[in-house]
Amino acid sequence: MENTINITVIDREGTSHDLEAPTDMNMNMMELCKSAELPVEGTCGGMAMCASCHMYIESDHELHEASEDEENMLDQAFFVEGNSRLGCQIHLADDLDGLVVRLAPVGE
């Protein structure tokens, strides 16, 4: 199908979900996960003001640099690793075909 890419999301139980993602709807990873009914909250609605869509980039894709707002939010998140990103800040585009992400554990 045109304007779609394939993305793998590994949930918190270790199960892989292969998703087809549209690249022509201005969606981000948080919205894709929510549409697939994966346990991503997106409490702030995609404004990089919470970390409820925290995920780890598991593939070798080059992503745009995290914004200052995203970096500040990750500084306050639990279980941050070097490959941590906020799903709401990863916009679906053709160059992300084959992206693999793992949902971060929920902080207490």
N, C-alpha and C. Protein backbone atom coordinates (compact mmCIF):
# COMPACT_ATOMS: atom_id res chain seq x y z
N MET A 1 0.85 -1.19 0.00
CA MET A 1 0.00 0.00 0.00
C MET A 1 0.88 1.24 0.00
N GLU A 2 0.52 2.22 -0.80
CA GLU A 2 1.29 3.45 -0.85
C GLU A 2 1.18 4.24 0.45
N ASN A 3 2.20 5.02 0.73
CA ASN A 3 2.21 5.88 1.91
C ASN A 3 2.10 5.13 3.22
N THR A 4 2.61 3.91 3.26
CA THR A 4 2.67 3.18 4.51
C THR A 4 4.07 2.61 4.70
N ILE A 5 4.44 2.48 5.96
CA ILE A 5 5.70 1.86 6.32
C ILE A 5 5.40 0.78 7.35
N ASN A 6 6.36 -0.09 7.57
CA ASN A 6 6.22 -1.15 8.56
C ASN A 6 7.05 -0.81 9.78
N ILE A 7 6.42 -0.92 10.94
CA ILE A 7 7.07 -0.61 12.21
C ILE A 7 6.78 -1.75 13.18
N THR A 8 7.78 -2.11 13.96
CA THR A 8 7.61 -3.14 14.99
C THR A 8 7.65 -2.47 16.36
N VAL A 9 6.63 -2.74 17.16
CA VAL A 9 6.56 -2.23 18.53
C VAL A 9 6.60 -3.43 19.46
N ILE A 10 7.57 -3.43 20.38
CA ILE A 10 7.68 -4.49 21.38
C ILE A 10 7.04 -3.96 22.65
N ASP A 11 5.99 -4.65 23.11
CA ASP A 11 5.28 -4.16 24.29
C ASP A 11 6.05 -4.50 25.57
N ARG A 12 5.50 -4.12 26.70
CA ARG A 12 6.19 -4.29 27.98
C ARG A 12 6.30 -5.75 28.42
N GLU A 13 5.56 -6.63 27.77
CA GLU A 13 5.65 -8.07 28.07
C GLU A 13 6.61 -8.77 27.12
N GLY A 14 7.17 -8.03 26.15
CA GLY A 14 8.13 -8.60 25.20
C GLY A 14 7.50 -9.12 23.92
N THR A 15 6.21 -8.89 23.73
CA THR A 15 5.53 -9.33 22.51
C THR A 15 5.72 -8.30 21.41
N SER A 16 6.10 -8.78 20.22
CA SER A 16 6.28 -7.89 19.06
C SER A 16 4.97 -7.71 18.33
N HIS A 17 4.72 -6.47 17.92
CA HIS A 17 3.53 -6.12 17.15
C HIS A 17 4.00 -5.47 15.86
N ASP A 18 3.73 -6.12 14.72
CA ASP A 18 4.10 -5.57 13.43
C ASP A 18 2.94 -4.71 12.94
N LEU A 19 3.22 -3.43 12.77
CA LEU A 19 2.18 -2.47 12.42
C LEU A 19 2.46 -1.84 11.06
N GLU A 20 1.40 -1.60 10.30
CA GLU A 20 1.50 -0.78 9.10
C GLU A 20 1.16 0.63 9.53
N ALA A 21 2.03 1.56 9.17
CA ALA A 21 1.86 2.94 9.63
C ALA A 21 1.72 3.89 8.44
N PRO A 22 0.70 4.73 8.44
CA PRO A 22 0.55 5.69 7.34
C PRO A 22 1.54 6.83 7.48
N THR A 23 2.10 7.26 6.37
CA THR A 23 3.04 8.39 6.39
C THR A 23 2.41 9.66 5.83
N ASP A 24 1.15 9.59 5.45
CA ASP A 24 0.50 10.75 4.83
C ASP A 24 -0.58 11.36 5.72
N MET A 25 -0.55 11.03 7.03
CA MET A 25 -1.58 11.54 7.93
C MET A 25 -1.01 12.38 9.07
N ASN A 26 0.29 12.70 9.00
CA ASN A 26 0.95 13.50 10.03
C ASN A 26 0.82 12.88 11.42
N MET A 27 0.91 11.53 11.48
CA MET A 27 0.82 10.82 12.76
C MET A 27 2.21 10.67 13.38
N ASN A 28 2.22 10.43 14.68
CA ASN A 28 3.46 10.14 15.38
C ASN A 28 3.37 8.74 16.01
N MET A 29 4.46 8.29 16.60
CA MET A 29 4.50 6.95 17.18
C MET A 29 3.50 6.77 18.32
N MET A 30 3.29 7.79 19.13
CA MET A 30 2.31 7.69 20.21
C MET A 30 0.93 7.41 19.63
N GLU A 31 0.55 8.15 18.61
CA GLU A 31 -0.77 7.97 17.99
C GLU A 31 -0.89 6.60 17.33
N LEU A 32 0.18 6.14 16.70
CA LEU A 32 0.16 4.82 16.08
C LEU A 32 -0.05 3.74 17.14
N CYS A 33 0.67 3.83 18.24
CA CYS A 33 0.52 2.84 19.31
C CYS A 33 -0.89 2.87 19.89
N LYS A 34 -1.43 4.05 20.09
CA LYS A 34 -2.79 4.15 20.63
C LYS A 34 -3.80 3.56 19.65
N SER A 35 -3.61 3.80 18.35
CA SER A 35 -4.54 3.27 17.35
C SER A 35 -4.48 1.75 17.29
N ALA A 36 -3.33 1.17 17.66
CA ALA A 36 -3.18 -0.28 17.69
C ALA A 36 -3.55 -0.85 19.06
N GLU A 37 -4.08 0.00 19.93
CA GLU A 37 -4.51 -0.37 21.28
C GLU A 37 -3.37 -0.94 22.12
N LEU A 38 -2.17 -0.39 21.90
CA LEU A 38 -1.03 -0.74 22.75
C LEU A 38 -1.04 0.19 23.96
N PRO A 39 -0.45 -0.23 25.08
CA PRO A 39 -0.56 0.54 26.33
C PRO A 39 0.33 1.79 26.37
N VAL A 40 -0.01 2.75 25.55
CA VAL A 40 0.65 4.06 25.54
C VAL A 40 -0.42 5.08 25.84
N GLU A 41 -0.19 5.89 26.86
CA GLU A 41 -1.23 6.82 27.29
C GLU A 41 -1.28 8.11 26.49
N GLY A 42 -0.16 8.78 26.36
CA GLY A 42 -0.17 10.07 25.68
C GLY A 42 -0.99 11.08 26.44
N THR A 43 -0.79 11.13 27.73
CA THR A 43 -1.58 11.96 28.63
C THR A 43 -1.65 13.42 28.21
N CYS A 44 -0.54 13.97 27.70
CA CYS A 44 -0.51 15.40 27.35
C CYS A 44 -0.99 15.66 25.93
N GLY A 45 -1.35 14.61 25.22
CA GLY A 45 -1.86 14.79 23.86
C GLY A 45 -0.78 15.03 22.82
N GLY A 46 0.46 14.70 23.13
CA GLY A 46 1.54 14.83 22.15
C GLY A 46 2.31 16.13 22.22
N MET A 47 2.28 16.80 23.35
CA MET A 47 2.94 18.10 23.50
C MET A 47 4.31 18.00 24.17
N ALA A 48 4.85 16.80 24.36
CA ALA A 48 6.13 16.57 25.05
C ALA A 48 6.10 17.15 26.47
N MET A 49 4.95 17.01 27.13
CA MET A 49 4.80 17.54 28.48
C MET A 49 4.57 16.44 29.52
N CYS A 50 4.69 15.20 29.09
CA CYS A 50 4.63 14.07 30.00
C CYS A 50 5.55 13.01 29.40
N ALA A 51 5.71 11.91 30.04
CA ALA A 51 6.56 10.85 29.47
C ALA A 51 5.78 9.55 29.33
N SER A 52 4.46 9.65 29.19
CA SER A 52 3.65 8.44 29.13
C SER A 52 3.75 7.72 27.78
N CYS A 53 4.51 8.28 26.83
CA CYS A 53 4.75 7.61 25.55
C CYS A 53 6.24 7.30 25.38
N HIS A 54 6.96 7.21 26.50
CA HIS A 54 8.40 6.93 26.50
C HIS A 54 8.65 5.57 25.87
N MET A 55 9.59 5.54 24.93
CA MET A 55 9.95 4.29 24.27
C MET A 55 11.43 4.29 23.94
N TYR A 56 11.94 3.12 23.64
CA TYR A 56 13.35 2.95 23.28
C TYR A 56 13.44 2.62 21.80
N ILE A 57 14.37 3.26 21.11
CA ILE A 57 14.62 2.97 19.70
C ILE A 57 15.55 1.78 19.64
N GLU A 58 15.09 0.67 19.09
CA GLU A 58 15.86 -0.57 19.06
C GLU A 58 16.56 -0.80 17.72
N SER A 59 16.16 -0.10 16.67
CA SER A 59 16.78 -0.26 15.36
C SER A 59 17.80 0.85 15.14
N ASP A 60 18.51 0.79 14.03
CA ASP A 60 19.59 1.74 13.75
C ASP A 60 19.13 2.97 12.97
N HIS A 61 17.87 3.32 13.05
CA HIS A 61 17.36 4.47 12.31
C HIS A 61 17.92 5.78 12.87
N GLU A 62 18.22 6.68 11.96
CA GLU A 62 18.64 8.03 12.35
C GLU A 62 17.38 8.87 12.55
N LEU A 63 17.17 9.33 13.76
CA LEU A 63 16.03 10.19 14.05
C LEU A 63 16.52 11.62 14.18
N HIS A 64 15.61 12.58 13.99
CA HIS A 64 15.97 13.97 14.23
C HIS A 64 16.36 14.13 15.69
N GLU A 65 17.16 15.14 15.96
CA GLU A 65 17.58 15.40 17.34
C GLU A 65 16.37 15.71 18.21
N ALA A 66 16.44 15.28 19.44
CA ALA A 66 15.36 15.59 20.39
C ALA A 66 15.34 17.09 20.66
N SER A 67 14.15 17.65 20.74
CA SER A 67 14.01 19.07 21.06
C SER A 67 14.37 19.30 22.53
N GLU A 68 14.55 20.55 22.89
CA GLU A 68 14.83 20.89 24.28
C GLU A 68 13.67 20.45 25.18
N ASP A 69 12.44 20.62 24.72
CA ASP A 69 11.27 20.19 25.50
C ASP A 69 11.29 18.67 25.72
N GLU A 70 11.64 17.93 24.67
CA GLU A 70 11.69 16.47 24.82
C GLU A 70 12.81 16.07 25.77
N GLU A 71 13.98 16.69 25.63
CA GLU A 71 15.11 16.39 26.53
C GLU A 71 14.74 16.70 27.99
N ASN A 72 14.08 17.83 28.20
CA ASN A 72 13.67 18.20 29.56
C ASN A 72 12.70 17.18 30.15
N MET A 73 11.78 16.68 29.33
CA MET A 73 10.81 15.70 29.82
C MET A 73 11.50 14.38 30.10
N LEU A 74 12.41 13.96 29.24
CA LEU A 74 13.14 12.71 29.48
C LEU A 74 13.99 12.81 30.74
N ASP A 75 14.48 14.00 31.06
CA ASP A 75 15.26 14.19 32.29
C ASP A 75 14.43 13.87 33.53
N GLN A 76 13.12 13.96 33.42
CA GLN A 76 12.23 13.71 34.55
C GLN A 76 11.59 12.32 34.50
N ALA A 77 11.84 11.57 33.44
CA ALA A 77 11.21 10.27 33.26
C ALA A 77 11.96 9.18 34.02
N PHE A 78 11.29 8.06 34.21
CA PHE A 78 11.89 6.88 34.82
C PHE A 78 12.51 6.01 33.73
N PHE A 79 13.52 5.23 34.09
CA PHE A 79 14.11 4.20 33.23
C PHE A 79 14.65 4.75 31.90
N VAL A 80 15.22 5.95 31.91
CA VAL A 80 15.75 6.56 30.69
C VAL A 80 17.06 5.87 30.32
N GLU A 81 17.20 5.58 29.05
CA GLU A 81 18.41 4.99 28.49
C GLU A 81 18.90 5.89 27.36
N GLY A 82 20.05 5.55 26.80
CA GLY A 82 20.62 6.34 25.72
C GLY A 82 19.76 6.38 24.47
N ASN A 83 18.91 5.39 24.29
CA ASN A 83 18.04 5.32 23.11
C ASN A 83 16.60 5.71 23.44
N SER A 84 16.39 6.40 24.55
CA SER A 84 15.04 6.84 24.95
C SER A 84 14.56 7.99 24.08
N ARG A 85 13.29 7.93 23.72
CA ARG A 85 12.63 9.03 23.01
C ARG A 85 11.17 9.06 23.45
N LEU A 86 10.52 10.17 23.22
CA LEU A 86 9.08 10.28 23.42
C LEU A 86 8.40 9.96 22.10
N GLY A 87 7.48 9.01 22.13
CA GLY A 87 6.80 8.60 20.91
C GLY A 87 6.08 9.73 20.20
N CYS A 88 5.58 10.68 20.97
CA CYS A 88 4.84 11.80 20.37
C CYS A 88 5.74 12.70 19.53
N GLN A 89 7.04 12.58 19.70
CA GLN A 89 7.98 13.43 18.97
C GLN A 89 8.61 12.71 17.78
N ILE A 90 8.18 11.47 17.52
CA ILE A 90 8.68 10.71 16.37
C ILE A 90 7.57 10.68 15.33
N HIS A 91 7.68 11.54 14.34
CA HIS A 91 6.65 11.64 13.31
C HIS A 91 6.90 10.59 12.23
N LEU A 92 5.85 9.90 11.84
CA LEU A 92 5.95 8.82 10.87
C LEU A 92 6.31 9.36 9.50
N ALA A 93 7.39 8.84 8.94
CA ALA A 93 7.87 9.26 7.63
C ALA A 93 8.46 8.06 6.90
N ASP A 94 8.58 8.17 5.60
CA ASP A 94 9.06 7.05 4.78
C ASP A 94 10.41 6.51 5.25
N ASP A 95 11.30 7.38 5.74
CA ASP A 95 12.64 6.93 6.14
C ASP A 95 12.63 6.13 7.44
N LEU A 96 11.47 5.97 8.07
CA LEU A 96 11.36 5.16 9.29
C LEU A 96 10.87 3.74 9.00
N ASP A 97 10.77 3.36 7.73
CA ASP A 97 10.34 2.00 7.40
C ASP A 97 11.28 1.00 8.07
N GLY A 98 10.70 0.03 8.77
CA GLY A 98 11.49 -0.97 9.48
C GLY A 98 11.87 -0.58 10.90
N LEU A 99 11.42 0.57 11.36
CA LEU A 99 11.72 1.03 12.73
C LEU A 99 11.26 -0.01 13.75
N VAL A 100 12.10 -0.22 14.77
CA VAL A 100 11.75 -1.11 15.87
C VAL A 100 11.86 -0.31 17.16
N VAL A 101 10.79 -0.29 17.95
CA VAL A 101 10.80 0.40 19.23
C VAL A 101 10.31 -0.56 20.32
N ARG A 102 10.72 -0.27 21.54
CA ARG A 102 10.28 -1.05 22.71
C ARG A 102 9.66 -0.07 23.70
N LEU A 103 8.49 -0.36 24.20
CA LEU A 103 7.83 0.51 25.16
C LEU A 103 8.58 0.47 26.47
N ALA A 104 8.84 1.63 27.04
CA ALA A 104 9.55 1.73 28.31
C ALA A 104 8.63 1.28 29.44
N PRO A 105 9.23 0.77 30.54
CA PRO A 105 8.41 0.42 31.70
C PRO A 105 7.72 1.66 32.25
N VAL A 106 6.61 1.44 32.90
CA VAL A 106 5.88 2.55 33.52
C VAL A 106 6.52 2.87 34.86
N GLY A 107 6.81 4.13 35.12
CA GLY A 107 7.41 4.55 36.39
C GLY A 107 6.41 4.57 37.51
N GLU A 108 6.91 4.48 38.70
CA GLU A 108 6.05 4.52 39.88
C GLU A 108 6.12 5.87 40.54
